[in-house]
């Protein structure tokens, strides 16, 4: 698990660059493609959140000794 020891790349820098990008030069078709890609990434992020939430709920139920 050496990859666990490697520093993670900064996520904030890529998101900040995405937000600051000048869209004036983009065509309507390019902008629609960009929106579709971003919507796909949003869906992927939501699925990851759902998966992590259900794992957490399962762990909480397993280790909850009060019930």
C-alpha atoms as a PDB file:
ATOM      1  CA  UNK A   1       0.000   0.000   0.000  1.00  0.00           C
ATOM      2  CA  UNK A   2       2.725   2.435  -0.921  1.00  0.00           C
ATOM      3  CA  UNK A   3       0.230   4.561  -2.833  1.00  0.00           C
ATOM      4  CA  UNK A   4      -1.426   5.363   0.506  1.00  0.00           C
ATOM      5  CA  UNK A   5       1.789   7.098   1.548  1.00  0.00           C
ATOM      6  CA  UNK A   6       1.889   9.356  -1.501  1.00  0.00           C
ATOM      7  CA  UNK A   7       0.510  12.869  -1.028  1.00  0.00           C
ATOM      8  CA  UNK A   8      -2.819  13.443  -2.687  1.00  0.00           C
ATOM      9  CA  UNK A   9      -2.970  16.042  -5.445  1.00  0.00           C
ATOM     10  CA  UNK A  10      -4.757  19.236  -4.470  1.00  0.00           C
ATOM     11  CA  UNK A  11      -8.398  19.137  -5.454  1.00  0.00           C
ATOM     12  CA  UNK A  12      -9.015  22.801  -4.832  1.00  0.00           C
ATOM     13  CA  UNK A  13      -6.649  23.933  -7.585  1.00  0.00           C
ATOM     14  CA  UNK A  14      -8.402  22.002 -10.359  1.00  0.00           C
ATOM     15  CA  UNK A  15     -11.853  23.067  -9.202  1.00  0.00           C
ATOM     16  CA  UNK A  16     -10.769  26.697  -8.945  1.00  0.00           C
ATOM     17  CA  UNK A  17      -9.317  26.563 -12.461  1.00  0.00           C
ATOM     18  CA  UNK A  18     -12.559  25.074 -13.768  1.00  0.00           C
ATOM     19  CA  UNK A  19     -14.633  27.850 -12.208  1.00  0.00           C
ATOM     20  CA  UNK A  20     -12.347  30.632 -13.466  1.00  0.00           C
ATOM     21  CA  UNK A  21     -12.196  29.341 -17.034  1.00  0.00           C
ATOM     22  CA  UNK A  22     -13.295  31.899 -19.639  1.00  0.00           C
ATOM     23  CA  UNK A  23     -16.324  30.514 -21.461  1.00  0.00           C
ATOM     24  CA  UNK A  24     -16.702  33.326 -23.992  1.00  0.00           C
ATOM     25  CA  UNK A  25     -14.574  31.544 -26.589  1.00  0.00           C
ATOM     26  CA  UNK A  26     -16.517  28.282 -26.317  1.00  0.00           C
ATOM     27  CA  UNK A  27     -19.159  27.428 -28.912  1.00  0.00           C
ATOM     28  CA  UNK A  28     -22.694  26.475 -27.928  1.00  0.00           C
ATOM     29  CA  UNK A  29     -21.974  22.839 -28.836  1.00  0.00           C
ATOM     30  CA  UNK A  30     -18.820  22.858 -26.703  1.00  0.00           C
ATOM     31  CA  UNK A  31     -20.717  24.379 -23.790  1.00  0.00           C
ATOM     32  CA  UNK A  32     -23.440  21.720 -24.071  1.00  0.00           C
ATOM     33  CA  UNK A  33     -20.790  18.996 -24.095  1.00  0.00           C
ATOM     34  CA  UNK A  34     -19.126  20.581 -21.068  1.00  0.00           C
ATOM     35  CA  UNK A  35     -22.457  20.664 -19.214  1.00  0.00           C
ATOM     36  CA  UNK A  36     -23.091  16.990 -20.041  1.00  0.00           C
ATOM     37  CA  UNK A  37     -19.644  16.025 -18.746  1.00  0.00           C
ATOM     38  CA  UNK A  38     -20.095  18.060 -15.572  1.00  0.00           C
ATOM     39  CA  UNK A  39     -23.548  16.569 -14.979  1.00  0.00           C
ATOM     40  CA  UNK A  40     -21.991  13.128 -15.331  1.00  0.00           C
ATOM     41  CA  UNK A  41     -19.360  14.045 -12.761  1.00  0.00           C
ATOM     42  CA  UNK A  42     -22.038  15.369 -10.404  1.00  0.00           C
ATOM     43  CA  UNK A  43     -23.941  12.086 -10.717  1.00  0.00           C
ATOM     44  CA  UNK A  44     -20.740  10.131 -10.043  1.00  0.00           C
ATOM     45  CA  UNK A  45     -20.028  12.275  -6.966  1.00  0.00           C
ATOM     46  CA  UNK A  46     -23.570  11.786  -5.654  1.00  0.00           C
ATOM     47  CA  UNK A  47     -23.257   8.020  -6.126  1.00  0.00           C
ATOM     48  CA  UNK A  48     -20.002   8.056  -4.150  1.00  0.00           C
ATOM     49  CA  UNK A  49     -21.698  10.008  -1.354  1.00  0.00           C
ATOM     50  CA  UNK A  50     -24.596   7.535  -1.292  1.00  0.00           C
ATOM     51  CA  UNK A  51     -22.206   4.593  -1.158  1.00  0.00           C
ATOM     52  CA  UNK A  52     -20.170   6.102   1.647  1.00  0.00           C
ATOM     53  CA  UNK A  53     -23.309   7.016   3.585  1.00  0.00           C
ATOM     54  CA  UNK A  54     -24.706   3.498   3.371  1.00  0.00           C
ATOM     55  CA  UNK A  55     -21.351   2.029   4.454  1.00  0.00           C
ATOM     56  CA  UNK A  56     -21.313   4.398   7.401  1.00  0.00           C
ATOM     57  CA  UNK A  57     -24.890   3.516   8.342  1.00  0.00           C
ATOM     58  CA  UNK A  58     -24.063  -0.191   8.192  1.00  0.00           C
ATOM     59  CA  UNK A  59     -21.006   0.313  10.392  1.00  0.00           C
ATOM     60  CA  UNK A  60     -23.004   2.410  12.859  1.00  0.00           C
ATOM     61  CA  UNK A  61     -25.688  -0.295  13.045  1.00  0.00           C
ATOM     62  CA  UNK A  62     -23.067  -2.996  13.571  1.00  0.00           C
ATOM     63  CA  UNK A  63     -21.256  -1.184  16.356  1.00  0.00           C
ATOM     64  CA  UNK A  64     -24.261   0.372  18.075  1.00  0.00           C
ATOM     65  CA  UNK A  65     -24.496  -1.508  21.361  1.00  0.00           C
ATOM     66  CA  UNK A  66     -27.361   0.533  22.816  1.00  0.00           C
ATOM     67  CA  UNK A  67     -30.127  -1.039  20.746  1.00  0.00           C
END
